[in-house]
Amino acid sequence: MGSEKDRRLEVDPLENTPGPDPTADEKFLATLSYAGAPKMTTPIPGPKAQEIREDSFAYESMARGAGRDPLVLAGGRGATAVDPDGNLFIDMAAGTAVNAVGRCNPRVIKAMKEQMNRLMHAGEMSNVKRTKLACLTVN
């Protein structure tokens, strides 16, 4: 280690994470989700969500997995989601890139913004971060 190649690919995956203080971690985690979830303000789907669903049925492909589900998401934070009618849900259906870190995790958003300022999309081309991850995975 210590070569020019290693320095060029250096990444600290724990940068900007809170220390071992469980109280600080619990306080941080409490800020990630919408307070008060679950909370139902309308039947599901509510009137706003139903209008959006009708447009979705008319203009979007229903080939996607949840295309005909009664839920319409307007926002998400942590382990919670909100629909256009203000219903708050505990999100038990979050998928890839959400289930481990929550929706709109500020640390993930910060890391994404930092990366997007460097390189937004590399597709099939080699790039520093992907190569570093491959090296760490294999070694």
N, C-alpha and C. Protein backbone atom coordinates (compact mmCIF):
# COMPACT_ATOMS: atom_id res chain seq x y z
N MET A 1 0.84 -1.18 0.00
CA MET A 1 0.00 0.00 0.00
C MET A 1 0.88 1.24 0.00
N GLY A 2 0.28 2.37 -0.25
CA GLY A 2 1.02 3.61 -0.24
C GLY A 2 1.49 4.04 -1.62
N SER A 3 1.21 3.25 -2.62
CA SER A 3 1.64 3.62 -3.97
C SER A 3 0.77 4.76 -4.48
N GLU A 4 1.19 5.35 -5.58
CA GLU A 4 0.41 6.42 -6.21
C GLU A 4 -0.99 5.92 -6.55
N LYS A 5 -1.09 4.67 -7.04
CA LYS A 5 -2.39 4.08 -7.37
C LYS A 5 -3.29 4.03 -6.15
N ASP A 6 -2.76 3.60 -5.00
CA ASP A 6 -3.54 3.52 -3.78
C ASP A 6 -4.02 4.89 -3.33
N ARG A 7 -3.16 5.89 -3.39
CA ARG A 7 -3.55 7.25 -2.99
C ARG A 7 -4.62 7.81 -3.93
N ARG A 8 -4.52 7.51 -5.20
CA ARG A 8 -5.47 8.01 -6.19
C ARG A 8 -6.86 7.42 -5.95
N LEU A 9 -6.92 6.20 -5.47
CA LEU A 9 -8.19 5.51 -5.26
C LEU A 9 -8.67 5.59 -3.81
N GLU A 10 -7.95 6.30 -2.95
CA GLU A 10 -8.26 6.32 -1.53
C GLU A 10 -9.67 6.85 -1.26
N VAL A 11 -10.38 6.10 -0.45
CA VAL A 11 -11.73 6.47 -0.06
C VAL A 11 -11.88 6.13 1.42
N ASP A 12 -12.50 7.03 2.17
CA ASP A 12 -12.80 6.76 3.57
C ASP A 12 -14.31 6.56 3.69
N PRO A 13 -14.79 5.31 3.74
CA PRO A 13 -16.24 5.07 3.75
C PRO A 13 -16.91 5.57 5.03
N LEU A 14 -16.15 5.84 6.09
CA LEU A 14 -16.75 6.29 7.34
C LEU A 14 -16.65 7.79 7.53
N GLU A 15 -16.18 8.49 6.52
CA GLU A 15 -16.06 9.94 6.62
C GLU A 15 -17.42 10.56 6.90
N ASN A 16 -17.43 11.50 7.82
CA ASN A 16 -18.64 12.26 8.17
C ASN A 16 -19.74 11.42 8.82
N THR A 17 -19.39 10.32 9.46
CA THR A 17 -20.39 9.56 10.19
C THR A 17 -20.24 9.87 11.67
N PRO A 18 -21.34 9.78 12.42
CA PRO A 18 -21.22 10.10 13.84
C PRO A 18 -20.36 9.07 14.56
N GLY A 19 -19.81 9.48 15.68
CA GLY A 19 -18.98 8.60 16.49
C GLY A 19 -19.80 7.55 17.20
N PRO A 20 -19.18 6.86 18.14
CA PRO A 20 -19.84 5.72 18.78
C PRO A 20 -20.89 6.10 19.82
N ASP A 21 -21.16 7.37 20.05
CA ASP A 21 -22.13 7.80 21.05
C ASP A 21 -23.53 7.35 20.64
N PRO A 22 -24.10 6.34 21.33
CA PRO A 22 -25.42 5.83 20.93
C PRO A 22 -26.51 6.88 21.04
N THR A 23 -26.38 7.81 21.99
CA THR A 23 -27.39 8.86 22.14
C THR A 23 -27.42 9.74 20.91
N ALA A 24 -26.24 10.12 20.42
CA ALA A 24 -26.17 10.95 19.21
C ALA A 24 -26.75 10.20 18.02
N ASP A 25 -26.43 8.92 17.90
CA ASP A 25 -26.97 8.12 16.80
C ASP A 25 -28.49 8.02 16.88
N GLU A 26 -29.02 7.81 18.08
CA GLU A 26 -30.47 7.72 18.23
C GLU A 26 -31.14 9.04 17.88
N LYS A 27 -30.55 10.15 18.28
CA LYS A 27 -31.11 11.46 17.94
C LYS A 27 -31.08 11.67 16.42
N PHE A 28 -29.98 11.28 15.80
CA PHE A 28 -29.87 11.42 14.34
C PHE A 28 -30.93 10.55 13.66
N LEU A 29 -31.07 9.31 14.09
CA LEU A 29 -32.04 8.40 13.48
C LEU A 29 -33.46 8.94 13.63
N ALA A 30 -33.74 9.58 14.76
CA ALA A 30 -35.09 10.12 14.98
C ALA A 30 -35.43 11.22 13.99
N THR A 31 -34.44 11.88 13.41
CA THR A 31 -34.70 12.97 12.46
C THR A 31 -34.94 12.45 11.05
N LEU A 32 -34.68 11.18 10.80
CA LEU A 32 -34.75 10.66 9.44
C LEU A 32 -36.16 10.41 8.93
N SER A 33 -37.10 10.09 9.80
CA SER A 33 -38.43 9.72 9.36
C SER A 33 -39.45 10.81 9.69
N TYR A 34 -40.58 10.80 8.99
CA TYR A 34 -41.67 11.72 9.30
C TYR A 34 -42.21 11.37 10.68
N ALA A 35 -42.35 12.36 11.54
CA ALA A 35 -42.91 12.12 12.87
C ALA A 35 -44.39 11.80 12.73
N GLY A 36 -44.88 10.94 13.59
CA GLY A 36 -46.30 10.64 13.62
C GLY A 36 -46.76 9.50 12.74
N ALA A 37 -45.86 8.90 11.98
CA ALA A 37 -46.27 7.78 11.12
C ALA A 37 -46.49 6.54 11.97
N PRO A 38 -47.47 5.74 11.65
CA PRO A 38 -48.45 5.89 10.57
C PRO A 38 -49.59 6.81 10.99
N LYS A 39 -50.15 7.49 10.00
CA LYS A 39 -51.30 8.38 10.22
C LYS A 39 -52.12 8.44 8.94
N MET A 40 -53.37 8.02 9.03
CA MET A 40 -54.25 8.03 7.87
C MET A 40 -55.19 9.23 7.96
N THR A 41 -55.22 10.04 6.90
CA THR A 41 -56.11 11.20 6.86
C THR A 41 -57.25 11.00 5.86
N THR A 42 -57.10 10.06 4.94
CA THR A 42 -58.13 9.76 3.94
C THR A 42 -58.14 8.26 3.71
N PRO A 43 -59.18 7.74 3.06
CA PRO A 43 -59.11 6.35 2.60
C PRO A 43 -57.97 6.22 1.59
N ILE A 44 -57.53 5.00 1.35
CA ILE A 44 -56.45 4.76 0.40
C ILE A 44 -57.03 4.13 -0.86
N PRO A 45 -56.85 4.66 -2.03
CA PRO A 45 -56.18 5.93 -2.29
C PRO A 45 -57.10 7.11 -1.98
N GLY A 46 -56.50 8.22 -1.54
CA GLY A 46 -57.26 9.44 -1.31
C GLY A 46 -57.59 10.11 -2.64
N PRO A 47 -58.34 11.21 -2.60
CA PRO A 47 -58.75 11.85 -3.85
C PRO A 47 -57.59 12.35 -4.71
N LYS A 48 -56.58 12.93 -4.11
CA LYS A 48 -55.44 13.41 -4.90
C LYS A 48 -54.67 12.23 -5.48
N ALA A 49 -54.45 11.21 -4.66
CA ALA A 49 -53.74 10.03 -5.15
C ALA A 49 -54.51 9.34 -6.26
N GLN A 50 -55.82 9.27 -6.14
CA GLN A 50 -56.63 8.62 -7.17
C GLN A 50 -56.52 9.36 -8.50
N GLU A 51 -56.53 10.68 -8.46
CA GLU A 51 -56.38 11.46 -9.69
C GLU A 51 -55.03 11.18 -10.35
N ILE A 52 -53.99 11.10 -9.55
CA ILE A 52 -52.65 10.80 -10.07
C ILE A 52 -52.62 9.38 -10.63
N ARG A 53 -53.25 8.43 -9.95
CA ARG A 53 -53.30 7.06 -10.43
C ARG A 53 -53.96 6.98 -11.80
N GLU A 54 -55.06 7.71 -11.98
CA GLU A 54 -55.75 7.70 -13.27
C GLU A 54 -54.85 8.22 -14.39
N ASP A 55 -54.10 9.29 -14.11
CA ASP A 55 -53.14 9.79 -15.10
C ASP A 55 -52.04 8.76 -15.34
N SER A 56 -51.59 8.12 -14.26
CA SER A 56 -50.55 7.10 -14.39
C SER A 56 -51.01 5.95 -15.27
N PHE A 57 -52.24 5.49 -15.05
CA PHE A 57 -52.78 4.40 -15.87
C PHE A 57 -52.86 4.81 -17.34
N ALA A 58 -53.17 6.07 -17.59
CA ALA A 58 -53.34 6.55 -18.97
C ALA A 58 -52.01 6.80 -19.68
N TYR A 59 -50.98 7.22 -18.94
CA TYR A 59 -49.76 7.69 -19.59
C TYR A 59 -48.50 6.90 -19.28
N GLU A 60 -48.53 6.01 -18.30
CA GLU A 60 -47.33 5.25 -17.94
C GLU A 60 -47.54 3.77 -18.20
N SER A 61 -46.43 3.07 -18.39
CA SER A 61 -46.50 1.62 -18.55
C SER A 61 -46.83 0.96 -17.22
N MET A 62 -47.74 0.02 -17.25
CA MET A 62 -48.08 -0.72 -16.04
C MET A 62 -47.24 -2.00 -15.95
N ALA A 63 -46.20 -2.09 -16.77
CA ALA A 63 -45.32 -3.26 -16.73
C ALA A 63 -44.47 -3.26 -15.47
N ARG A 64 -44.33 -2.12 -14.83
CA ARG A 64 -43.54 -2.06 -13.59
C ARG A 64 -44.29 -2.75 -12.46
N GLY A 65 -43.55 -3.23 -11.50
CA GLY A 65 -44.12 -4.07 -10.45
C GLY A 65 -45.28 -3.49 -9.67
N ALA A 66 -45.23 -2.24 -9.29
CA ALA A 66 -46.25 -1.67 -8.41
C ALA A 66 -47.15 -0.68 -9.14
N GLY A 67 -47.21 -0.77 -10.44
CA GLY A 67 -47.96 0.20 -11.23
C GLY A 67 -49.41 0.35 -10.86
N ARG A 68 -50.06 -0.73 -10.45
CA ARG A 68 -51.49 -0.65 -10.12
C ARG A 68 -51.76 -0.63 -8.61
N ASP A 69 -50.72 -0.52 -7.82
CA ASP A 69 -50.92 -0.43 -6.37
C ASP A 69 -51.74 0.80 -6.03
N PRO A 70 -52.50 0.76 -4.95
CA PRO A 70 -53.30 1.93 -4.58
C PRO A 70 -52.49 3.08 -4.00
N LEU A 71 -51.25 2.82 -3.62
CA LEU A 71 -50.43 3.88 -3.04
C LEU A 71 -49.76 4.72 -4.11
N VAL A 72 -49.71 6.02 -3.87
CA VAL A 72 -48.97 6.97 -4.70
C VAL A 72 -48.05 7.71 -3.75
N LEU A 73 -46.77 7.65 -3.98
CA LEU A 73 -45.83 8.33 -3.09
C LEU A 73 -45.57 9.75 -3.55
N ALA A 74 -45.59 10.67 -2.60
CA ALA A 74 -45.25 12.06 -2.87
C ALA A 74 -43.93 12.43 -2.24
N GLY A 75 -43.52 11.67 -1.23
CA GLY A 75 -42.25 11.94 -0.55
C GLY A 75 -41.89 10.80 0.36
N GLY A 76 -40.65 10.81 0.81
CA GLY A 76 -40.20 9.77 1.72
C GLY A 76 -39.05 10.26 2.57
N ARG A 77 -39.03 9.82 3.81
CA ARG A 77 -37.92 10.12 4.72
C ARG A 77 -37.70 8.90 5.60
N GLY A 78 -36.46 8.43 5.61
CA GLY A 78 -36.13 7.29 6.46
C GLY A 78 -36.98 6.08 6.15
N ALA A 79 -37.68 5.60 7.16
CA ALA A 79 -38.52 4.41 7.01
C ALA A 79 -39.98 4.78 6.83
N THR A 80 -40.24 6.02 6.39
CA THR A 80 -41.61 6.48 6.22
C THR A 80 -41.82 7.08 4.84
N ALA A 81 -43.08 7.15 4.45
CA ALA A 81 -43.43 7.76 3.16
C ALA A 81 -44.74 8.51 3.34
N VAL A 82 -45.00 9.47 2.47
CA VAL A 82 -46.23 10.26 2.51
C VAL A 82 -46.85 10.26 1.11
N ASP A 83 -48.18 10.23 1.07
CA ASP A 83 -48.86 10.31 -0.23
C ASP A 83 -49.36 11.73 -0.47
N PRO A 84 -49.90 12.02 -1.64
CA PRO A 84 -50.33 13.39 -1.95
C PRO A 84 -51.45 13.90 -1.06
N ASP A 85 -52.16 13.00 -0.38
CA ASP A 85 -53.25 13.40 0.50
C ASP A 85 -52.80 13.59 1.95
N GLY A 86 -51.51 13.39 2.21
CA GLY A 86 -50.99 13.58 3.57
C GLY A 86 -51.01 12.35 4.44
N ASN A 87 -51.38 11.20 3.89
CA ASN A 87 -51.32 9.96 4.67
C ASN A 87 -49.85 9.59 4.89
N LEU A 88 -49.52 9.24 6.13
CA LEU A 88 -48.15 8.84 6.46
C LEU A 88 -48.09 7.34 6.65
N PHE A 89 -47.10 6.72 6.03
CA PHE A 89 -46.96 5.27 6.08
C PHE A 89 -45.60 4.89 6.65
N ILE A 90 -45.55 3.76 7.33
CA ILE A 90 -44.28 3.13 7.64
C ILE A 90 -43.94 2.32 6.40
N ASP A 91 -42.81 2.63 5.80
CA ASP A 91 -42.44 2.07 4.50
C ASP A 91 -41.83 0.69 4.67
N MET A 92 -42.63 -0.32 4.40
CA MET A 92 -42.14 -1.69 4.52
C MET A 92 -41.93 -2.33 3.15
N ALA A 93 -41.93 -1.50 2.11
CA ALA A 93 -41.77 -2.01 0.75
C ALA A 93 -40.61 -1.34 0.02
N ALA A 94 -39.77 -0.62 0.75
CA ALA A 94 -38.65 0.08 0.11
C ALA A 94 -37.73 -0.93 -0.56
N GLY A 95 -37.22 -0.56 -1.70
CA GLY A 95 -36.39 -1.47 -2.46
C GLY A 95 -34.94 -1.07 -2.48
N THR A 96 -34.26 -1.47 -3.51
CA THR A 96 -32.85 -1.22 -3.69
C THR A 96 -32.50 0.23 -3.41
N ALA A 97 -31.40 0.44 -2.71
CA ALA A 97 -30.86 1.76 -2.39
C ALA A 97 -31.67 2.50 -1.35
N VAL A 98 -32.72 1.89 -0.83
CA VAL A 98 -33.51 2.56 0.20
C VAL A 98 -33.60 1.69 1.45
N ASN A 99 -33.76 0.39 1.29
CA ASN A 99 -34.05 -0.45 2.44
C ASN A 99 -32.94 -0.44 3.49
N ALA A 100 -31.70 -0.21 3.14
CA ALA A 100 -30.61 -0.24 4.12
C ALA A 100 -30.35 1.12 4.76
N VAL A 101 -30.64 2.20 4.07
CA VAL A 101 -30.27 3.53 4.58
C VAL A 101 -31.47 4.46 4.75
N GLY A 102 -32.63 4.06 4.29
CA GLY A 102 -33.80 4.91 4.39
C GLY A 102 -33.93 5.86 3.22
N ARG A 103 -35.11 6.38 3.05
CA ARG A 103 -35.36 7.35 1.98
C ARG A 103 -34.78 8.70 2.37
N CYS A 104 -34.12 9.34 1.42
CA CYS A 104 -33.59 10.70 1.57
C CYS A 104 -32.65 10.84 2.77
N ASN A 105 -31.84 9.82 3.01
CA ASN A 105 -30.86 9.88 4.10
C ASN A 105 -29.89 11.02 3.82
N PRO A 106 -29.74 11.97 4.75
CA PRO A 106 -28.89 13.13 4.48
C PRO A 106 -27.44 12.79 4.20
N ARG A 107 -26.94 11.72 4.81
CA ARG A 107 -25.55 11.32 4.53
C ARG A 107 -25.41 10.81 3.11
N VAL A 108 -26.41 10.05 2.65
CA VAL A 108 -26.38 9.53 1.29
C VAL A 108 -26.52 10.68 0.30
N ILE A 109 -27.44 11.61 0.57
CA ILE A 109 -27.62 12.76 -0.31
C ILE A 109 -26.34 13.57 -0.40
N LYS A 110 -25.68 13.80 0.73
CA LYS A 110 -24.41 14.55 0.73
C LYS A 110 -23.37 13.84 -0.11
N ALA A 111 -23.23 12.52 0.08
CA ALA A 111 -22.25 11.76 -0.70
C ALA A 111 -22.59 11.79 -2.19
N MET A 112 -23.88 11.70 -2.51
CA MET A 112 -24.28 11.75 -3.92
C MET A 112 -23.96 13.10 -4.54
N LYS A 113 -24.23 14.18 -3.81
CA LYS A 113 -23.93 15.51 -4.33
C LYS A 113 -22.44 15.69 -4.55
N GLU A 114 -21.64 15.21 -3.59
CA GLU A 114 -20.18 15.31 -3.74
C GLU A 114 -19.72 14.54 -4.97
N GLN A 115 -20.25 13.34 -5.16
CA GLN A 115 -19.86 12.55 -6.31
C GLN A 115 -20.34 13.18 -7.61
N MET A 116 -21.55 13.72 -7.60
CA MET A 116 -22.08 14.35 -8.82
C MET A 116 -21.29 15.59 -9.21
N ASN A 117 -20.66 16.22 -8.24
CA ASN A 117 -19.79 17.36 -8.55
C ASN A 117 -18.49 16.90 -9.22
N ARG A 118 -18.14 15.62 -9.05
CA ARG A 118 -16.94 15.07 -9.68
C ARG A 118 -17.25 14.38 -11.01
N LEU A 119 -18.22 13.45 -10.96
CA LEU A 119 -18.55 12.64 -12.13
C LEU A 119 -19.95 12.09 -11.92
N MET A 120 -20.86 12.44 -12.82
CA MET A 120 -22.24 12.02 -12.64
C MET A 120 -22.54 10.64 -13.16
N HIS A 121 -22.04 10.31 -14.31
CA HIS A 121 -22.38 9.02 -14.89
C HIS A 121 -21.21 8.56 -15.74
N ALA A 122 -20.78 7.35 -15.48
CA ALA A 122 -19.64 6.82 -16.24
C ALA A 122 -20.03 5.60 -17.06
N GLY A 123 -21.26 5.15 -16.92
CA GLY A 123 -21.73 4.04 -17.72
C GLY A 123 -20.78 2.86 -17.75
N GLU A 124 -20.28 2.57 -18.91
CA GLU A 124 -19.40 1.42 -19.11
C GLU A 124 -17.92 1.76 -18.95
N MET A 125 -17.61 3.03 -18.73
CA MET A 125 -16.20 3.44 -18.66
C MET A 125 -15.63 3.19 -17.26
N SER A 126 -14.36 2.93 -17.18
CA SER A 126 -13.70 2.80 -15.88
C SER A 126 -13.76 4.14 -15.16
N ASN A 127 -13.86 4.07 -13.84
CA ASN A 127 -13.80 5.30 -13.05
C ASN A 127 -13.17 4.99 -11.70
N VAL A 128 -12.68 6.02 -11.06
CA VAL A 128 -11.90 5.88 -9.83
C VAL A 128 -12.67 5.15 -8.74
N LYS A 129 -13.88 5.58 -8.43
CA LYS A 129 -14.64 4.99 -7.32
C LYS A 129 -14.98 3.52 -7.57
N ARG A 130 -15.42 3.19 -8.77
CA ARG A 130 -15.78 1.80 -9.06
C ARG A 130 -14.55 0.90 -9.00
N THR A 131 -13.41 1.39 -9.51
CA THR A 131 -12.19 0.59 -9.48
C THR A 131 -11.73 0.38 -8.04
N LYS A 132 -11.82 1.41 -7.20
CA LYS A 132 -11.46 1.26 -5.79
C LYS A 132 -12.35 0.22 -5.12
N LEU A 133 -13.62 0.27 -5.38
CA LEU A 133 -14.54 -0.71 -4.79
C LEU A 133 -14.20 -2.12 -5.27
N ALA A 134 -13.90 -2.27 -6.55
CA ALA A 134 -13.54 -3.59 -7.07
C ALA A 134 -12.27 -4.11 -6.39
N CYS A 135 -11.28 -3.24 -6.22
CA CYS A 135 -10.04 -3.65 -5.55
C CYS A 135 -10.32 -4.08 -4.11
N LEU A 136 -11.13 -3.31 -3.40
CA LEU A 136 -11.46 -3.65 -2.00
C LEU A 136 -12.25 -4.96 -1.92
N THR A 137 -13.13 -5.18 -2.88
CA THR A 137 -13.97 -6.38 -2.88
C THR A 137 -13.14 -7.63 -3.12
N VAL A 138 -12.22 -7.55 -4.06
CA VAL A 138 -11.42 -8.73 -4.40
C VAL A 138 -10.34 -8.99 -3.37
N ASN A 139 -9.76 -7.94 -2.86
CA ASN A 139 -8.66 -8.10 -1.88
C ASN A 139 -9.24 -8.13 -0.51
